[in-house]
Amino acid sequence: MRIALLSVNRRLYSTRRLWEACRKGGHDVRFLHPRRCAVAWLEDGAVMTQGGLKIEGMDVVLPRVGTSVTETGLVVLRHLEGLGVRTPNTAESIGRSRDKVASLQWLSHCGVPVPPSVFVDVPDQIEECAALLGGPPVVVKVVRGTQGVGVIKVGELDQLRATVEALWGLGEQVLVQRFVSEAQGRDLRLFVVGDEVAAAMERESAPGDFRSNLHRGGTARGFRPDQETAALAVKAAKALGLGIAGVDLLITQEGPVVLEVNSSPGLEGIEAATGKNLARVIVKHLESLMTRAKPEVAKEFQ
């Protein structure tokens, strides 16, 4: 099987682990850097090159598209999809998951419980938004933030207005969510591959912080989710069309809610916390994609 591994840095832990797992599985793997790929639309059709070499003949593409190269990465991914190359995460599903508002909309429409949230777009909505959420404290998020960046807890209405207006001044779109105090700085990350939860960890925030992201100094331990929690994580990934996803859950008084779904979840923290070889699990999933019907090829590529 010829696998295209789409990533900006082959030395990153997750990219390296996936590369090694592909090679150990006996597969021909090619590293594609989104910004070094040239996609062209010529008289005889669309072509893509990297380093002057034409990219063709791929069976599967595994996208590891970070937020800094989302748009460029999705151009490359859409090109490969148009050629009929299989992928666990399509460009459409990745784009949907990267937008926190679009993601919440899709999850809610599909019956997946999410934290009470309000999208704020104009100044006179700020008081209304706070009232809908039961008043401060609330959590302000930029729509396209990641790894806890752009996530701010505010405790007063005037602080909420100042924070939202400051983010607007930076050109950011803003989402406001109810602060779930009972979570006590803990959340769950469930790593979904296909129809199953391959691994799960509980994360706890660093002292003085409410964000549990490992990049923000949080800690993690592996755990075994119950059937209901695992089914919710799989449902959330499927709602967004993702075959590989990191699903973040908060445990509230009403039960678990889906906080976020990551379309390019890191392997390092969860492999260390659980001892699971997730890279191998992912490669096995890529192999299973080859047994399915070949995706329909866009007319311009036929």
C-alpha atoms as a PDB file:
ATOM      1  CA  MET A   1       0.000   0.000   0.000  1.00  0.00           C
ATOM      2  CA  ARG A   2       1.279   3.466  -0.904  1.00  0.00           C
ATOM      3  CA  ILE A   3       0.570   5.929   1.899  1.00  0.00           C
ATOM      4  CA  ALA A   4       0.930   9.716   1.728  1.00  0.00           C
ATOM      5  CA  LEU A   5       1.678  11.177   5.169  1.00  0.00           C
ATOM      6  CA  LEU A   6       0.655  14.821   5.087  1.00  0.00           C
ATOM      7  CA  SER A   7       2.522  16.847   7.744  1.00  0.00           C
ATOM      8  CA  VAL A   8       4.715  19.931   8.092  1.00  0.00           C
ATOM      9  CA  ASN A   9       7.478  18.222  10.076  1.00  0.00           C
ATOM     10  CA  ARG A  10       8.588  14.615   9.833  1.00  0.00           C
ATOM     11  CA  ARG A  11      10.466  14.961  13.160  1.00  0.00           C
ATOM     12  CA  LEU A  12       7.310  15.618  15.190  1.00  0.00           C
ATOM     13  CA  TYR A  13       6.574  12.747  17.570  1.00  0.00           C
ATOM     14  CA  SER A  14       3.236  11.800  15.998  1.00  0.00           C
ATOM     15  CA  THR A  15       4.500  12.038  12.422  1.00  0.00           C
ATOM     16  CA  ARG A  16       7.595  10.013  13.221  1.00  0.00           C
ATOM     17  CA  ARG A  17       5.611   7.317  15.024  1.00  0.00           C
ATOM     18  CA  LEU A  18       3.167   7.010  12.134  1.00  0.00           C
ATOM     19  CA  TRP A  19       6.001   6.888   9.597  1.00  0.00           C
ATOM     20  CA  GLU A  20       7.681   4.080  11.539  1.00  0.00           C
ATOM     21  CA  ALA A  21       4.416   2.149  11.906  1.00  0.00           C
ATOM     22  CA  CYS A  22       3.744   2.405   8.169  1.00  0.00           C
ATOM     23  CA  ARG A  23       7.214   1.093   7.357  1.00  0.00           C
ATOM     24  CA  LYS A  24       6.953  -1.724   9.908  1.00  0.00           C
ATOM     25  CA  GLY A  25       3.661  -2.684   8.293  1.00  0.00           C
ATOM     26  CA  GLY A  26       5.476  -3.140   4.995  1.00  0.00           C
ATOM     27  CA  HIS A  27       3.976  -0.098   3.334  1.00  0.00           C
ATOM     28  CA  ASP A  28       5.537   2.446   0.995  1.00  0.00           C
ATOM     29  CA  VAL A  29       5.079   5.778   2.776  1.00  0.00           C
ATOM     30  CA  ARG A  30       5.790   9.205   1.302  1.00  0.00           C
ATOM     31  CA  PHE A  31       6.067  12.368   3.348  1.00  0.00           C
ATOM     32  CA  LEU A  32       4.198  15.345   1.887  1.00  0.00           C
ATOM     33  CA  HIS A  33       4.743  18.854   3.238  1.00  0.00           C
ATOM     34  CA  PRO A  34       1.605  20.915   2.420  1.00  0.00           C
ATOM     35  CA  ARG A  35       3.543  24.101   1.720  1.00  0.00           C
ATOM     36  CA  ARG A  36       6.035  22.330  -0.536  1.00  0.00           C
ATOM     37  CA  CYS A  37       3.351  20.790  -2.718  1.00  0.00           C
ATOM     38  CA  ALA A  38       2.389  22.687  -5.865  1.00  0.00           C
ATOM     39  CA  VAL A  39      -1.150  22.038  -7.069  1.00  0.00           C
ATOM     40  CA  ALA A  40      -1.818  23.121 -10.649  1.00  0.00           C
ATOM     41  CA  TRP A  41      -4.827  23.054 -12.942  1.00  0.00           C
ATOM     42  CA  LEU A  42      -3.618  22.587 -16.526  1.00  0.00           C
ATOM     43  CA  GLU A  43      -5.173  21.906 -19.922  1.00  0.00           C
ATOM     44  CA  ASP A  44      -5.061  18.157 -19.401  1.00  0.00           C
ATOM     45  CA  GLY A  45      -6.240  18.204 -15.770  1.00  0.00           C
ATOM     46  CA  ALA A  46      -5.032  18.865 -12.242  1.00  0.00           C
ATOM     47  CA  VAL A  47      -1.549  17.802 -11.131  1.00  0.00           C
ATOM     48  CA  MET A  48       0.473  18.066  -7.937  1.00  0.00           C
ATOM     49  CA  THR A  49       4.230  18.073  -7.503  1.00  0.00           C
ATOM     50  CA  GLN A  50       6.692  18.225  -4.615  1.00  0.00           C
ATOM     51  CA  GLY A  51      10.315  19.065  -5.262  1.00  0.00           C
ATOM     52  CA  GLY A  52       9.662  18.837  -8.991  1.00  0.00           C
ATOM     53  CA  LEU A  53       8.330  15.268  -8.747  1.00  0.00           C
ATOM     54  CA  LYS A  54       4.749  14.467  -9.678  1.00  0.00           C
ATOM     55  CA  ILE A  55       2.654  13.032  -6.851  1.00  0.00           C
ATOM     56  CA  GLU A  56       0.548  10.150  -8.139  1.00  0.00           C
ATOM     57  CA  GLY A  57      -0.308   6.536  -7.447  1.00  0.00           C
ATOM     58  CA  MET A  58      -1.146   7.007  -3.763  1.00  0.00           C
ATOM     59  CA  ASP A  59      -3.612   4.552  -2.209  1.00  0.00           C
ATOM     60  CA  VAL A  60      -4.267   6.306   1.115  1.00  0.00           C
ATOM     61  CA  VAL A  61      -3.514   9.744   2.521  1.00  0.00           C
ATOM     62  CA  LEU A  62      -3.153  10.246   6.281  1.00  0.00           C
ATOM     63  CA  PRO A  63      -3.596  13.967   7.019  1.00  0.00           C
ATOM     64  CA  ARG A  64      -1.740  15.439   9.993  1.00  0.00           C
ATOM     65  CA  VAL A  65      -2.782  18.995   9.207  1.00  0.00           C
ATOM     66  CA  GLY A  66      -1.983  21.506  11.960  1.00  0.00           C
ATOM     67  CA  THR A  67      -3.989  24.690  12.427  1.00  0.00           C
ATOM     68  CA  SER A  68      -1.167  26.839  11.047  1.00  0.00           C
ATOM     69  CA  VAL A  69      -1.492  25.191   7.618  1.00  0.00           C
ATOM     70  CA  THR A  70      -5.161  24.254   7.610  1.00  0.00           C
ATOM     71  CA  GLU A  71      -6.139  25.932   4.343  1.00  0.00           C
ATOM     72  CA  THR A  72      -3.002  24.855   2.464  1.00  0.00           C
ATOM     73  CA  GLY A  73      -3.256  21.330   3.807  1.00  0.00           C
ATOM     74  CA  LEU A  74      -6.887  21.058   2.756  1.00  0.00           C
ATOM     75  CA  VAL A  75      -6.025  22.143  -0.799  1.00  0.00           C
ATOM     76  CA  VAL A  76      -3.562  19.239  -1.020  1.00  0.00           C
ATOM     77  CA  LEU A  77      -5.978  16.822   0.628  1.00  0.00           C
ATOM     78  CA  ARG A  78      -8.860  17.786  -1.674  1.00  0.00           C
ATOM     79  CA  HIS A  79      -6.600  17.208  -4.673  1.00  0.00           C
ATOM     80  CA  LEU A  80      -5.811  13.677  -3.524  1.00  0.00           C
ATOM     81  CA  GLU A  81      -9.444  12.984  -2.677  1.00  0.00           C
ATOM     82  CA  GLY A  82     -10.394  14.122  -6.164  1.00  0.00           C
ATOM     83  CA  LEU A  83      -8.078  11.454  -7.556  1.00  0.00           C
ATOM     84  CA  GLY A  84      -9.925   8.802  -5.557  1.00  0.00           C
ATOM     85  CA  VAL A  85      -7.264   8.412  -2.845  1.00  0.00           C
ATOM     86  CA  ARG A  86      -8.795   7.057   0.347  1.00  0.00           C
ATOM     87  CA  THR A  87      -8.508   8.966   3.618  1.00  0.00           C
ATOM     88  CA  PRO A  88      -9.860   8.474   7.152  1.00  0.00           C
ATOM     89  CA  ASN A  89     -10.438  12.232   7.533  1.00  0.00           C
ATOM     90  CA  THR A  90     -11.679  14.181   4.535  1.00  0.00           C
ATOM     91  CA  ALA A  91     -10.948  17.838   3.853  1.00  0.00           C
ATOM     92  CA  GLU A  92     -14.587  18.649   4.561  1.00  0.00           C
ATOM     93  CA  SER A  93     -14.584  16.895   7.929  1.00  0.00           C
ATOM     94  CA  ILE A  94     -11.294  18.492   9.007  1.00  0.00           C
ATOM     95  CA  GLY A  95     -12.496  21.957   8.021  1.00  0.00           C
ATOM     96  CA  ARG A  96     -15.715  21.443   9.963  1.00  0.00           C
ATOM     97  CA  SER A  97     -13.883  20.256  13.081  1.00  0.00           C
ATOM     98  CA  ARG A  98     -11.461  23.217  13.029  1.00  0.00           C
ATOM     99  CA  ASP A  99     -14.302  25.737  13.284  1.00  0.00           C
ATOM    100  CA  LYS A 100     -15.618  25.556  16.858  1.00  0.00           C
ATOM    101  CA  VAL A 101     -18.979  27.067  15.895  1.00  0.00           C
ATOM    102  CA  ALA A 102     -19.529  24.772  12.896  1.00  0.00           C
ATOM    103  CA  SER A 103     -18.406  21.815  14.987  1.00  0.00           C
ATOM    104  CA  LEU A 104     -20.879  22.596  17.792  1.00  0.00           C
ATOM    105  CA  GLN A 105     -23.653  23.084  15.246  1.00  0.00           C
ATOM    106  CA  TRP A 106     -23.056  19.697  13.656  1.00  0.00           C
ATOM    107  CA  LEU A 107     -22.714  17.911  16.973  1.00  0.00           C
ATOM    108  CA  SER A 108     -25.900  19.485  18.317  1.00  0.00           C
ATOM    109  CA  HIS A 109     -27.857  18.695  15.135  1.00  0.00           C
ATOM    110  CA  CYS A 110     -26.734  15.070  15.446  1.00  0.00           C
ATOM    111  CA  GLY A 111     -27.958  14.801  19.027  1.00  0.00           C
ATOM    112  CA  VAL A 112     -24.525  14.933  20.657  1.00  0.00           C
ATOM    113  CA  PRO A 113     -24.609  16.806  24.011  1.00  0.00           C
ATOM    114  CA  VAL A 114     -22.370  19.891  24.113  1.00  0.00           C
ATOM    115  CA  PRO A 115     -21.723  22.578  26.762  1.00  0.00           C
ATOM    116  CA  PRO A 116     -24.222  25.480  26.701  1.00  0.00           C
ATOM    117  CA  SER A 117     -22.626  27.894  24.220  1.00  0.00           C
ATOM    118  CA  VAL A 118     -23.387  31.178  22.472  1.00  0.00           C
ATOM    119  CA  PHE A 119     -21.808  32.620  19.326  1.00  0.00           C
ATOM    120  CA  VAL A 120     -21.317  36.364  19.799  1.00  0.00           C
ATOM    121  CA  ASP A 121     -20.923  38.677  16.802  1.00  0.00           C
ATOM    122  CA  VAL A 122     -21.969  42.200  17.840  1.00  0.00           C
ATOM    123  CA  PRO A 123     -21.480  44.220  21.069  1.00  0.00           C
ATOM    124  CA  ASP A 124     -25.155  44.377  22.033  1.00  0.00           C
ATOM    125  CA  GLN A 125     -25.251  40.557  22.200  1.00  0.00           C
ATOM    126  CA  ILE A 126     -22.773  40.347  25.082  1.00  0.00           C
ATOM    127  CA  GLU A 127     -25.273  40.890  27.941  1.00  0.00           C
ATOM    128  CA  GLU A 128     -27.805  38.633  26.204  1.00  0.00           C
ATOM    129  CA  CYS A 129     -25.188  35.928  25.795  1.00  0.00           C
ATOM    130  CA  ALA A 130     -24.262  36.072  29.495  1.00  0.00           C
ATOM    131  CA  ALA A 131     -27.932  35.858  30.473  1.00  0.00           C
ATOM    132  CA  LEU A 132     -28.509  32.808  28.239  1.00  0.00           C
ATOM    133  CA  LEU A 133     -25.639  31.050  29.991  1.00  0.00           C
ATOM    134  CA  GLY A 134     -26.844  31.938  33.476  1.00  0.00           C
ATOM    135  CA  GLY A 135     -24.324  34.739  33.965  1.00  0.00           C
ATOM    136  CA  PRO A 136     -20.569  34.674  34.684  1.00  0.00           C
ATOM    137  CA  PRO A 137     -18.312  32.880  35.174  1.00  0.00           C
ATOM    138  CA  VAL A 138     -18.084  31.871  31.529  1.00  0.00           C
ATOM    139  CA  VAL A 139     -15.355  30.721  29.179  1.00  0.00           C
ATOM    140  CA  VAL A 140     -14.474  32.783  26.107  1.00  0.00           C
ATOM    141  CA  LYS A 141     -12.939  30.947  23.145  1.00  0.00           C
ATOM    142  CA  VAL A 142     -11.623  32.053  19.783  1.00  0.00           C
ATOM    143  CA  VAL A 143     -13.311  30.037  17.065  1.00  0.00           C
ATOM    144  CA  ARG A 144     -10.097  28.660  15.575  1.00  0.00           C
ATOM    145  CA  GLY A 145      -7.911  28.298  18.673  1.00  0.00           C
ATOM    146  CA  THR A 146      -6.044  25.128  19.609  1.00  0.00           C
ATOM    147  CA  GLN A 147      -4.112  23.580  22.521  1.00  0.00           C
ATOM    148  CA  GLY A 148      -5.824  25.898  24.999  1.00  0.00           C
ATOM    149  CA  VAL A 149      -4.667  29.086  23.250  1.00  0.00           C
ATOM    150  CA  GLY A 150      -7.429  31.685  23.101  1.00  0.00           C
ATOM    151  CA  VAL A 151      -9.433  30.086  25.937  1.00  0.00           C
ATOM    152  CA  ILE A 152     -10.145  32.577  28.743  1.00  0.00           C
ATOM    153  CA  LYS A 153     -12.226  32.265  31.906  1.00  0.00           C
ATOM    154  CA  VAL A 154     -13.973  35.496  32.911  1.00  0.00           C
ATOM    155  CA  GLY A 155     -15.877  36.084  36.132  1.00  0.00           C
ATOM    156  CA  GLU A 156     -17.556  39.476  35.666  1.00  0.00           C
ATOM    157  CA  LEU A 157     -19.776  41.020  33.020  1.00  0.00           C
ATOM    158  CA  ASP A 158     -17.509  44.021  32.406  1.00  0.00           C
ATOM    159  CA  GLN A 159     -14.539  41.664  32.089  1.00  0.00           C
ATOM    160  CA  LEU A 160     -16.526  39.621  29.563  1.00  0.00           C
ATOM    161  CA  ARG A 161     -17.207  42.706  27.457  1.00  0.00           C
ATOM    162  CA  ALA A 162     -13.565  43.826  27.600  1.00  0.00           C
ATOM    163  CA  THR A 163     -12.289  40.359  26.672  1.00  0.00           C
ATOM    164  CA  VAL A 164     -14.687  39.865  23.777  1.00  0.00           C
ATOM    165  CA  GLU A 165     -14.047  43.342  22.379  1.00  0.00           C
ATOM    166  CA  ALA A 166     -10.282  42.847  22.642  1.00  0.00           C
ATOM    167  CA  LEU A 167     -10.513  39.585  20.674  1.00  0.00           C
ATOM    168  CA  TRP A 168     -12.732  41.240  18.083  1.00  0.00           C
ATOM    169  CA  GLY A 169     -10.099  43.949  17.767  1.00  0.00           C
ATOM    170  CA  LEU A 170      -7.593  41.223  16.840  1.00  0.00           C
ATOM    171  CA  GLY A 171      -9.935  39.972  14.128  1.00  0.00           C
ATOM    172  CA  GLU A 172     -11.070  36.885  16.038  1.00  0.00           C
ATOM    173  CA  GLN A 173     -14.537  35.374  16.066  1.00  0.00           C
ATOM    174  CA  VAL A 174     -15.721  34.515  19.562  1.00  0.00           C
ATOM    175  CA  LEU A 175     -17.649  31.711  21.240  1.00  0.00           C
ATOM    176  CA  VAL A 176     -18.797  31.940  24.871  1.00  0.00           C
ATOM    177  CA  GLN A 177     -19.547  28.822  26.929  1.00  0.00           C
ATOM    178  CA  ARG A 178     -20.886  28.146  30.404  1.00  0.00           C
ATOM    179  CA  PHE A 179     -18.085  27.418  32.851  1.00  0.00           C
ATOM    180  CA  VAL A 180     -18.485  23.865  34.152  1.00  0.00           C
ATOM    181  CA  SER A 181     -17.248  24.247  37.717  1.00  0.00           C
ATOM    182  CA  GLU A 182     -17.936  20.638  38.672  1.00  0.00           C
ATOM    183  CA  ALA A 183     -15.315  19.443  36.181  1.00  0.00           C
ATOM    184  CA  GLN A 184     -12.689  20.894  38.551  1.00  0.00           C
ATOM    185  CA  GLY A 185     -10.055  21.301  35.852  1.00  0.00           C
ATOM    186  CA  ARG A 186     -10.427  17.725  34.579  1.00  0.00           C
ATOM    187  CA  ASP A 187     -11.533  16.419  31.215  1.00  0.00           C
ATOM    188  CA  LEU A 188     -11.353  13.201  29.221  1.00  0.00           C
ATOM    189  CA  ARG A 189      -9.611  12.598  25.895  1.00  0.00           C
ATOM    190  CA  LEU A 190     -10.922   9.574  24.009  1.00  0.00           C
ATOM    191  CA  PHE A 191      -8.938   8.560  20.940  1.00  0.00           C
ATOM    192  CA  VAL A 192     -11.342   7.236  18.323  1.00  0.00           C
ATOM    193  CA  VAL A 193     -10.140   5.088  15.423  1.00  0.00           C
ATOM    194  CA  GLY A 194     -12.888   3.832  13.124  1.00  0.00           C
ATOM    195  CA  ASP A 195     -15.775   2.508  15.174  1.00  0.00           C
ATOM    196  CA  GLU A 196     -13.891   2.111  18.445  1.00  0.00           C
ATOM    197  CA  VAL A 197     -12.154   4.012  21.211  1.00  0.00           C
ATOM    198  CA  ALA A 198      -8.546   2.859  20.900  1.00  0.00           C
ATOM    199  CA  ALA A 199      -7.317   4.625  24.062  1.00  0.00           C
ATOM    200  CA  ALA A 200      -8.511   7.087  26.687  1.00  0.00           C
ATOM    201  CA  MET A 201      -6.943   9.351  29.269  1.00  0.00           C
ATOM    202  CA  GLU A 202      -8.096  11.689  32.004  1.00  0.00           C
ATOM    203  CA  ARG A 203      -6.343  15.055  32.009  1.00  0.00           C
ATOM    204  CA  GLU A 204      -5.989  17.426  34.954  1.00  0.00           C
ATOM    205  CA  SER A 205      -5.013  21.086  34.756  1.00  0.00           C
ATOM    206  CA  ALA A 206      -1.869  22.529  36.288  1.00  0.00           C
ATOM    207  CA  PRO A 207      -2.306  24.345  39.625  1.00  0.00           C
ATOM    208  CA  GLY A 208      -3.877  27.751  39.107  1.00  0.00           C
ATOM    209  CA  ASP A 209      -5.208  26.942  35.626  1.00  0.00           C
ATOM    210  CA  PHE A 210      -8.582  25.553  34.514  1.00  0.00           C
ATOM    211  CA  ARG A 211      -7.359  24.279  31.110  1.00  0.00           C
ATOM    212  CA  SER A 212      -6.314  20.641  31.146  1.00  0.00           C
ATOM    213  CA  ASN A 213      -4.275  20.680  27.930  1.00  0.00           C
ATOM    214  CA  LEU A 214      -0.949  18.873  28.281  1.00  0.00           C
ATOM    215  CA  HIS A 215       0.664  21.747  26.336  1.00  0.00           C
ATOM    216  CA  ARG A 216      -0.442  24.042  29.185  1.00  0.00           C
ATOM    217  CA  GLY A 217       1.215  21.918  31.863  1.00  0.00           C
ATOM    218  CA  GLY A 218      -1.644  19.523  32.555  1.00  0.00           C
ATOM    219  CA  THR A 219      -1.085  15.911  33.591  1.00  0.00           C
ATOM    220  CA  ALA A 220      -2.700  12.718  32.306  1.00  0.00           C
ATOM    221  CA  ARG A 221      -3.412   9.149  33.268  1.00  0.00           C
ATOM    222  CA  GLY A 222      -4.944   6.337  31.269  1.00  0.00           C
ATOM    223  CA  PHE A 223      -8.413   5.035  32.080  1.00  0.00           C
ATOM    224  CA  ARG A 224     -11.026   2.653  30.682  1.00  0.00           C
ATOM    225  CA  PRO A 225     -14.230   4.480  29.657  1.00  0.00           C
ATOM    226  CA  ASP A 226     -17.603   2.906  30.254  1.00  0.00           C
ATOM    227  CA  GLN A 227     -19.700   1.816  27.290  1.00  0.00           C
ATOM    228  CA  GLU A 228     -21.877   4.939  27.305  1.00  0.00           C
ATOM    229  CA  THR A 229     -18.930   7.338  27.306  1.00  0.00           C
ATOM    230  CA  ALA A 230     -17.109   5.409  24.575  1.00  0.00           C
ATOM    231  CA  ALA A 231     -20.260   5.314  22.422  1.00  0.00           C
ATOM    232  CA  LEU A 232     -20.653   9.087  22.818  1.00  0.00           C
ATOM    233  CA  ALA A 233     -17.081   9.696  21.638  1.00  0.00           C
ATOM    234  CA  VAL A 234     -17.570   7.495  18.566  1.00  0.00           C
ATOM    235  CA  LYS A 235     -20.882   9.226  17.808  1.00  0.00           C
ATOM    236  CA  ALA A 236     -19.201  12.644  17.997  1.00  0.00           C
ATOM    237  CA  ALA A 237     -16.400  11.613  15.623  1.00  0.00           C
ATOM    238  CA  LYS A 238     -18.902  10.159  13.158  1.00  0.00           C
ATOM    239  CA  ALA A 239     -21.106  13.252  13.365  1.00  0.00           C
ATOM    240  CA  LEU A 240     -18.201  15.289  11.971  1.00  0.00           C
ATOM    241  CA  GLY A 241     -17.228  12.570   9.471  1.00  0.00           C
ATOM    242  CA  LEU A 242     -13.904  11.737  11.128  1.00  0.00           C
ATOM    243  CA  GLY A 243     -12.415   8.245  11.096  1.00  0.00           C
ATOM    244  CA  ILE A 244      -9.579   9.287  13.432  1.00  0.00           C
ATOM    245  CA  ALA A 245     -10.289  11.823  16.173  1.00  0.00           C
ATOM    246  CA  GLY A 246      -9.439  12.961  19.668  1.00  0.00           C
ATOM    247  CA  VAL A 247     -12.748  13.603  21.412  1.00  0.00           C
ATOM    248  CA  ASP A 248     -12.621  15.785  24.530  1.00  0.00           C
ATOM    249  CA  LEU A 249     -15.396  15.316  27.097  1.00  0.00           C
ATOM    250  CA  LEU A 250     -16.379  17.139  30.269  1.00  0.00           C
ATOM    251  CA  ILE A 251     -18.287  15.373  33.007  1.00  0.00           C
ATOM    252  CA  THR A 252     -21.127  17.625  34.159  1.00  0.00           C
ATOM    253  CA  GLN A 253     -23.957  17.150  36.650  1.00  0.00           C
ATOM    254  CA  GLU A 254     -26.161  16.170  33.692  1.00  0.00           C
ATOM    255  CA  GLY A 255     -23.625  13.692  32.315  1.00  0.00           C
ATOM    256  CA  PRO A 256     -20.774  13.825  29.770  1.00  0.00           C
ATOM    257  CA  VAL A 257     -20.738  16.552  27.109  1.00  0.00           C
ATOM    258  CA  VAL A 258     -18.464  16.856  24.088  1.00  0.00           C
ATOM    259  CA  LEU A 259     -16.190  19.839  24.497  1.00  0.00           C
ATOM    260  CA  GLU A 260     -14.233  19.523  21.251  1.00  0.00           C
ATOM    261  CA  VAL A 261     -13.289  17.058  18.524  1.00  0.00           C
ATOM    262  CA  ASN A 262      -9.697  17.177  17.256  1.00  0.00           C
ATOM    263  CA  SER A 263      -9.128  15.914  13.714  1.00  0.00           C
ATOM    264  CA  SER A 264      -5.353  15.651  14.133  1.00  0.00           C
ATOM    265  CA  PRO A 265      -4.898  14.390  17.702  1.00  0.00           C
ATOM    266  CA  GLY A 266      -1.375  14.054  19.046  1.00  0.00           C
ATOM    267  CA  LEU A 267      -0.052  10.620  19.990  1.00  0.00           C
ATOM    268  CA  GLU A 268       2.686  11.442  22.472  1.00  0.00           C
ATOM    269  CA  GLY A 269       0.661  12.262  25.575  1.00  0.00           C
ATOM    270  CA  ILE A 270      -1.924   9.539  25.220  1.00  0.00           C
ATOM    271  CA  GLU A 271       0.572   6.827  24.234  1.00  0.00           C
ATOM    272  CA  ALA A 272       2.647   7.717  27.294  1.00  0.00           C
ATOM    273  CA  ALA A 273      -0.403   7.762  29.577  1.00  0.00           C
ATOM    274  CA  THR A 274      -1.917   4.502  28.327  1.00  0.00           C
ATOM    275  CA  GLY A 275       0.994   2.473  26.964  1.00  0.00           C
ATOM    276  CA  LYS A 276      -1.033   1.879  23.785  1.00  0.00           C
ATOM    277  CA  ASN A 277       0.630   1.715  20.369  1.00  0.00           C
ATOM    278  CA  LEU A 278      -1.823   4.018  18.637  1.00  0.00           C
ATOM    279  CA  ALA A 279       0.370   4.465  15.582  1.00  0.00           C
ATOM    280  CA  ARG A 280      -0.017   0.764  14.810  1.00  0.00           C
ATOM    281  CA  VAL A 281      -3.780   0.928  15.409  1.00  0.00           C
ATOM    282  CA  ILE A 282      -4.049   3.815  12.931  1.00  0.00           C
ATOM    283  CA  VAL A 283      -2.066   1.952  10.262  1.00  0.00           C
ATOM    284  CA  LYS A 284      -4.348  -1.067  10.714  1.00  0.00           C
ATOM    285  CA  HIS A 285      -7.287   1.259  10.134  1.00  0.00           C
ATOM    286  CA  LEU A 286      -5.682   2.579   6.947  1.00  0.00           C
ATOM    287  CA  GLU A 287      -5.304  -1.010   5.761  1.00  0.00           C
ATOM    288  CA  SER A 288      -9.006  -1.600   6.376  1.00  0.00           C
ATOM    289  CA  LEU A 289      -9.862   1.371   4.149  1.00  0.00           C
ATOM    290  CA  MET A 290      -8.405  -0.543   1.198  1.00  0.00           C
ATOM    291  CA  THR A 291     -11.089  -3.244   1.520  1.00  0.00           C
ATOM    292  CA  ARG A 292     -13.883  -0.722   0.995  1.00  0.00           C
ATOM    293  CA  ALA A 293     -15.300   0.492  -2.280  1.00  0.00           C
ATOM    294  CA  LYS A 294     -13.037   2.981  -4.021  1.00  0.00           C
ATOM    295  CA  PRO A 295     -14.237   6.586  -3.596  1.00  0.00           C
ATOM    296  CA  GLU A 296     -15.965   8.149  -6.551  1.00  0.00           C
ATOM    297  CA  VAL A 297     -13.511  10.135  -8.670  1.00  0.00           C
ATOM    298  CA  ALA A 298     -14.437  13.687  -9.605  1.00  0.00           C
ATOM    299  CA  LYS A 299     -15.213  14.087 -13.311  1.00  0.00           C
ATOM    300  CA  GLU A 300     -12.253  16.379 -13.980  1.00  0.00           C
ATOM    301  CA  PHE A 301      -9.888  13.617 -12.838  1.00  0.00           C
ATOM    302  CA  GLN A 302     -11.438  10.846 -14.957  1.00  0.00           C
END
